[in-house]
Protein backbone atom coordinates (compact mmCIF):
# COMPACT_ATOMS: atom_id res chain seq x y z
CA UNK A 1 50.59 98.95 133.75
CA UNK A 2 53.68 100.30 135.44
CA UNK A 3 56.49 101.35 133.11
CA UNK A 4 58.97 98.47 133.36
CA UNK A 5 61.85 100.76 132.40
CA UNK A 6 61.42 102.56 135.72
CA UNK A 7 61.42 99.40 137.82
CA UNK A 8 64.43 98.28 139.87
CA UNK A 9 64.16 94.63 138.82
CA UNK A 10 64.33 94.70 135.03
CA UNK A 11 65.91 91.22 134.87
CA UNK A 12 63.01 89.34 136.47
CA UNK A 13 59.91 90.67 134.71
CA UNK A 14 56.96 88.38 133.90
CA UNK A 15 57.73 86.24 130.82
CA UNK A 16 55.31 86.63 127.93
CA UNK A 17 53.52 83.81 126.11
CA UNK A 18 56.54 81.50 125.86
CA UNK A 19 54.32 78.41 126.20
CA UNK A 20 52.20 79.27 123.18
CA UNK A 21 53.07 77.99 119.73
CA UNK A 22 50.03 79.71 118.26
CA UNK A 23 48.17 82.73 119.56
CA UNK A 24 44.84 80.94 119.58
CA UNK A 25 43.16 77.60 120.35
CA UNK A 26 44.95 75.55 117.71
CA UNK A 27 46.37 72.09 118.40
CA UNK A 28 49.52 70.71 116.84
CA UNK A 29 47.46 68.00 115.11
CA UNK A 30 45.02 70.49 113.58
CA UNK A 31 47.82 72.84 112.53
CA UNK A 32 49.67 70.00 110.80
CA UNK A 33 46.52 68.99 108.92
CA UNK A 34 45.93 72.59 107.87
CA UNK A 35 49.49 72.97 106.60
CA UNK A 36 49.24 69.74 104.58
CA UNK A 37 45.96 70.84 103.02
CA UNK A 38 47.20 74.34 102.21
CA UNK A 39 50.57 73.16 100.92
CA UNK A 40 48.86 71.05 98.24
CA UNK A 41 47.71 74.25 96.56
CA UNK A 42 51.36 75.28 96.11
CA UNK A 43 51.12 78.91 97.20
CA UNK A 44 53.93 81.10 95.90
CA UNK A 45 53.10 84.06 98.10
CA UNK A 46 51.63 83.94 101.60
CA UNK A 47 50.18 86.95 103.41
CA UNK A 48 49.51 86.73 107.15
CA UNK A 49 47.20 89.49 108.38
CA UNK A 50 47.54 90.30 112.08
CA UNK A 51 50.29 87.72 112.10
CA UNK A 52 51.67 88.03 115.64
CA UNK A 53 54.79 85.88 115.40
CA UNK A 54 53.43 84.10 112.32
CA UNK A 55 53.96 80.50 113.39
CA UNK A 56 51.47 78.94 110.97
CA UNK A 57 52.88 81.01 108.10
CA UNK A 58 56.39 79.77 108.89
CA UNK A 59 55.16 76.17 108.86
CA UNK A 60 53.55 76.68 105.45
CA UNK A 61 56.82 78.11 104.13
CA UNK A 62 58.68 75.08 105.47
CA UNK A 63 56.20 72.80 103.69
CA UNK A 64 56.34 74.70 100.37
CA UNK A 65 59.94 75.25 99.26
CA UNK A 66 60.27 78.51 97.35
CA UNK A 67 57.16 80.11 98.82
CA UNK A 68 57.63 83.55 100.28
CA UNK A 69 55.69 85.18 103.09
CA UNK A 70 54.81 88.57 104.51
CA UNK A 71 53.41 89.01 108.00
CA UNK A 72 51.72 92.28 108.97
CA UNK A 73 51.03 93.29 112.56
CA UNK A 74 51.32 96.26 114.89
CA UNK A 75 52.98 94.34 117.74
CA UNK A 76 56.71 94.90 117.60
CA UNK A 77 57.56 92.30 120.24
CA UNK A 78 55.63 89.55 118.46
CA UNK A 79 57.12 90.51 115.10
CA UNK A 80 60.61 90.27 116.53
CA UNK A 81 59.80 86.82 117.87
CA UNK A 82 58.70 85.85 114.38
CA UNK A 83 61.96 87.12 112.89
CA UNK A 84 64.00 85.15 115.42
CA UNK A 85 62.02 81.99 114.71
CA UNK A 86 62.40 82.46 110.97
CA UNK A 87 66.15 82.90 111.26
CA UNK A 88 66.49 79.82 113.48
CA UNK A 89 64.65 77.73 110.87
CA UNK A 90 66.54 79.06 107.84
CA UNK A 91 63.58 81.04 106.53
CA UNK A 92 64.81 84.60 107.07
CA UNK A 93 65.38 85.19 103.35
CA UNK A 94 61.87 84.02 102.46
CA UNK A 95 59.75 85.94 104.96
CA UNK A 96 59.27 89.54 106.01
CA UNK A 97 57.63 90.70 109.24
CA UNK A 98 56.29 94.23 108.83
CA UNK A 99 55.05 96.53 111.57
CA UNK A 100 52.14 98.33 109.98
CA UNK A 101 48.36 98.49 109.94
CA UNK A 102 46.56 95.97 107.75
CA UNK A 103 43.65 98.34 107.12
CA UNK A 104 43.50 99.00 103.40
CA UNK A 105 46.76 97.13 102.84
CA UNK A 106 48.03 96.88 99.28
CA UNK A 107 50.10 93.77 99.95
CA UNK A 108 47.78 91.49 97.99
CA UNK A 109 46.90 89.61 95.99
CA UNK A 110 48.51 86.56 97.59
CA UNK A 111 48.00 82.89 96.85
CA UNK A 112 47.30 82.17 100.51
CA UNK A 113 45.98 84.69 103.01
CA UNK A 114 45.98 83.81 106.69
CA UNK A 115 43.82 85.80 109.11
CA UNK A 116 43.69 83.98 112.42
CA UNK A 117 41.70 85.81 115.05
CA UNK A 118 42.57 89.13 113.43
CA UNK A 119 39.55 90.22 111.37
CA UNK A 120 39.50 93.44 113.41
CA UNK A 121 42.79 94.35 111.69
CA UNK A 122 40.89 94.64 108.41
CA UNK A 123 37.80 96.50 109.56
CA UNK A 124 36.68 98.95 112.20
CA UNK A 125 33.05 97.82 111.89
CA UNK A 126 31.30 96.07 114.79
CA UNK A 127 31.41 93.19 114.27
CA UNK A 128 34.20 93.34 111.66
CA UNK A 129 33.43 89.99 110.02
CA UNK A 130 31.49 90.99 106.89
CA UNK A 131 33.82 93.83 105.89
CA UNK A 132 36.89 91.76 106.74
CA UNK A 133 35.67 88.97 104.47
CA UNK A 134 35.29 91.44 101.60
CA UNK A 135 38.83 92.65 102.24
CA UNK A 136 40.12 89.09 102.29
CA UNK A 137 38.50 88.49 98.90
CA UNK A 138 40.37 91.54 97.60
CA UNK A 139 43.64 90.27 99.03
CA UNK A 140 43.53 86.69 97.72
CA UNK A 141 44.33 85.71 94.14
CA UNK A 142 41.86 83.71 92.07
CA UNK A 143 42.61 80.03 92.64
CA UNK A 144 44.14 80.77 96.03
CA UNK A 145 42.95 80.14 99.57
CA UNK A 146 42.03 82.10 102.66
CA UNK A 147 42.32 80.55 106.10
CA UNK A 148 40.14 82.56 108.43
CA UNK A 149 40.07 81.98 112.17
CA UNK A 150 36.98 83.76 113.48
CA UNK A 151 35.02 83.79 116.72
CA UNK A 152 31.38 82.74 116.78
CA UNK A 153 28.72 82.14 119.41
CA UNK A 154 28.20 78.47 120.14
CA UNK A 155 24.89 79.54 121.67
CA UNK A 156 23.39 82.96 122.39
CA UNK A 157 25.07 84.44 125.47
CA UNK A 158 22.94 85.64 128.34
CA UNK A 159 23.13 89.19 129.63
CA UNK A 160 24.84 87.94 132.79
CA UNK A 161 27.45 86.12 130.71
CA UNK A 162 28.09 89.17 128.54
CA UNK A 163 28.63 91.25 131.66
CA UNK A 164 31.41 88.88 132.71
CA UNK A 165 33.25 88.81 129.38
CA UNK A 166 35.44 91.50 127.82
CA UNK A 167 34.56 95.19 128.40
CA UNK A 168 31.33 96.26 126.64
CA UNK A 169 30.72 92.74 125.32
CA UNK A 170 27.46 92.41 123.41
CA UNK A 171 25.57 89.69 121.58
CA UNK A 172 26.37 91.54 118.35
CA UNK A 173 30.12 91.01 118.74
CA UNK A 174 29.90 87.65 116.96
CA UNK A 175 27.61 85.64 114.70
CA UNK A 176 26.62 82.01 114.96
CA UNK A 177 28.52 79.54 112.79
CA UNK A 178 25.82 79.25 110.13
CA UNK A 179 25.67 83.02 109.70
CA UNK A 180 29.46 83.21 109.55
CA UNK A 181 29.48 80.73 106.67
CA UNK A 182 26.72 82.64 104.86
CA UNK A 183 28.74 85.84 105.19
CA UNK A 184 31.74 84.09 103.65
CA UNK A 185 29.63 82.92 100.70
CA UNK A 186 28.19 86.41 100.32
CA UNK A 187 31.68 87.90 100.18
CA UNK A 188 32.65 85.74 97.19
CA UNK A 189 33.94 82.50 98.70
CA UNK A 190 33.02 78.86 98.81
CA UNK A 191 33.87 77.05 102.06
CA UNK A 192 36.29 74.23 101.29
CA UNK A 193 36.74 73.18 104.90
CA UNK A 194 34.92 74.09 108.10
CA UNK A 195 36.28 73.15 111.51
CA UNK A 196 36.02 74.51 115.02
CA UNK A 197 38.37 74.53 117.99
CA UNK A 198 37.50 71.88 120.55
CA UNK A 199 37.39 72.18 124.34
CA UNK A 200 40.86 70.68 124.72
CA UNK A 201 42.33 73.25 122.32
CA UNK A 202 40.66 76.08 124.22
CA UNK A 203 41.89 74.82 127.57
CA UNK A 204 45.45 74.36 126.32
CA UNK A 205 45.45 77.85 124.82
CA UNK A 206 43.95 79.65 127.79
CA UNK A 207 46.17 77.81 130.27
CA UNK A 208 49.31 78.48 128.25
CA UNK A 209 48.25 82.10 127.80
CA UNK A 210 48.37 82.60 131.57
CA UNK A 211 50.88 79.99 132.73
CA UNK A 212 54.16 81.91 132.44
CA UNK A 213 52.85 84.89 134.34
CA UNK A 214 51.08 82.73 136.94
CA UNK A 215 54.30 80.87 137.80
CA UNK A 216 56.23 84.16 137.87
CA UNK A 217 53.64 85.73 140.17
CA UNK A 218 53.79 82.81 142.60
CA UNK A 219 57.54 83.37 142.92
CA UNK A 220 57.50 87.18 142.98
CA UNK A 221 54.58 88.19 145.24
CA UNK A 222 56.33 91.38 146.37
CA UNK A 223 57.66 92.52 142.99
CA UNK A 224 56.58 96.04 141.91
CA UNK A 225 54.65 94.44 139.04
CA UNK A 226 52.96 91.79 141.19
CA UNK A 227 49.76 93.72 141.92
CA UNK A 228 48.92 94.72 138.32
CA UNK A 229 49.96 91.27 137.08
CA UNK A 230 47.67 89.60 139.63
CA UNK A 231 44.81 91.88 138.64
CA UNK A 232 45.29 91.15 134.95
CA UNK A 233 45.52 87.38 135.44
CA UNK A 234 42.51 87.20 137.75
CA UNK A 235 40.44 89.33 135.40
CA UNK A 236 41.28 87.21 132.36
CA UNK A 237 40.66 83.94 134.20
CA UNK A 238 37.19 85.13 135.26
CA UNK A 239 36.43 86.21 131.69
CA UNK A 240 37.54 82.85 130.34
CA UNK A 241 35.37 81.01 132.85
CA UNK A 242 32.45 83.10 131.60
CA UNK A 243 32.89 82.64 127.84
CA UNK A 244 34.06 79.02 128.17
CA UNK A 245 31.62 76.90 126.17
CA UNK A 246 29.86 79.98 124.81
CA UNK A 247 32.47 81.53 122.52
CA UNK A 248 33.77 79.32 119.73
CA UNK A 249 36.55 79.71 117.19
CA UNK A 250 35.95 78.58 113.61
CA UNK A 251 38.70 77.85 111.12
CA UNK A 252 37.34 78.31 107.61
CA UNK A 253 39.38 77.37 104.55
CA UNK A 254 37.82 79.51 101.83
CA UNK A 255 38.14 79.31 98.04
CA UNK A 256 37.51 82.56 96.14
CA UNK A 257 34.90 82.42 93.42
CA UNK A 258 36.63 83.44 90.20
CA UNK A 259 35.97 87.05 89.25
C-alpha cells in the first residue's frame, strides 16, 4: 500500500470500517442476547483479547455497573476508536485499551474473557484453536465465562475453494463444529451456549466491511490510492464469494471446570 503520508490528498483517503459495529458477523439482536446472558454472571473484571475497538466489551460494561475492562490488541487505530467510544459513553474510567501482544499475557484471571475471532493472538500454532483454548482457561477465573468466536468449516472445502480463499488456505486451518466443541471440553470447559453466525449476519458484515471503501472508490477513480484500493476490494470480494457458505463462525459461551 502506498504511504498515505506522501500523498497529495490526505483529506480524502478511504474511510475505514465506519459501518461496522462489530468486527465480525454479529447481529445487534445476537449481541444484545449475549450481553444479557453474560451480565447475569456479574463479572467484575472483563478481558478482551484481540479486542479491536472492543464494542462488545463496552456493552457488557454498560450492562454491569462497576465492572472494569481491559482490551488488548496490536492495532493502534482500532484501540483509539475504542477509547473514543468509551469516553463518549462515560466509560473511560472503567476501561483500558492496551497496545500489546496477547501471547503469554499476564492480565488474567478475569471473570469474563472475550476472544472474538482472535484465537491467533493467543497461539502461533496452526490452527491456533487448541492452544488458544488452553490459554483462555488460564486467563478465566473459576466461576467465570469465556465467549469465544471461532471459525469452523461448515463442510469440508474443496481444493478449488481453498485456492480461492486467503493466501495458503488449507483444510487444516479450521475444524468442524463438533471437533471445536470437543477441543473446548478437552481444554477444561463445558459449553453453556453454542450458536453460529447466520447467512444474514455474514452478508451484513462482509458488505459493511467493504462498503465505505467501495463508495469512496466510486467517487475517486483517479486518486493515487484508487488502484491499490480497487485491487484490495476486488480480491476480498472474490475470497468472500469463495468461502461464503463454507466458512462458519461459532460463538461459544464456555464455563471453566473448577480446578
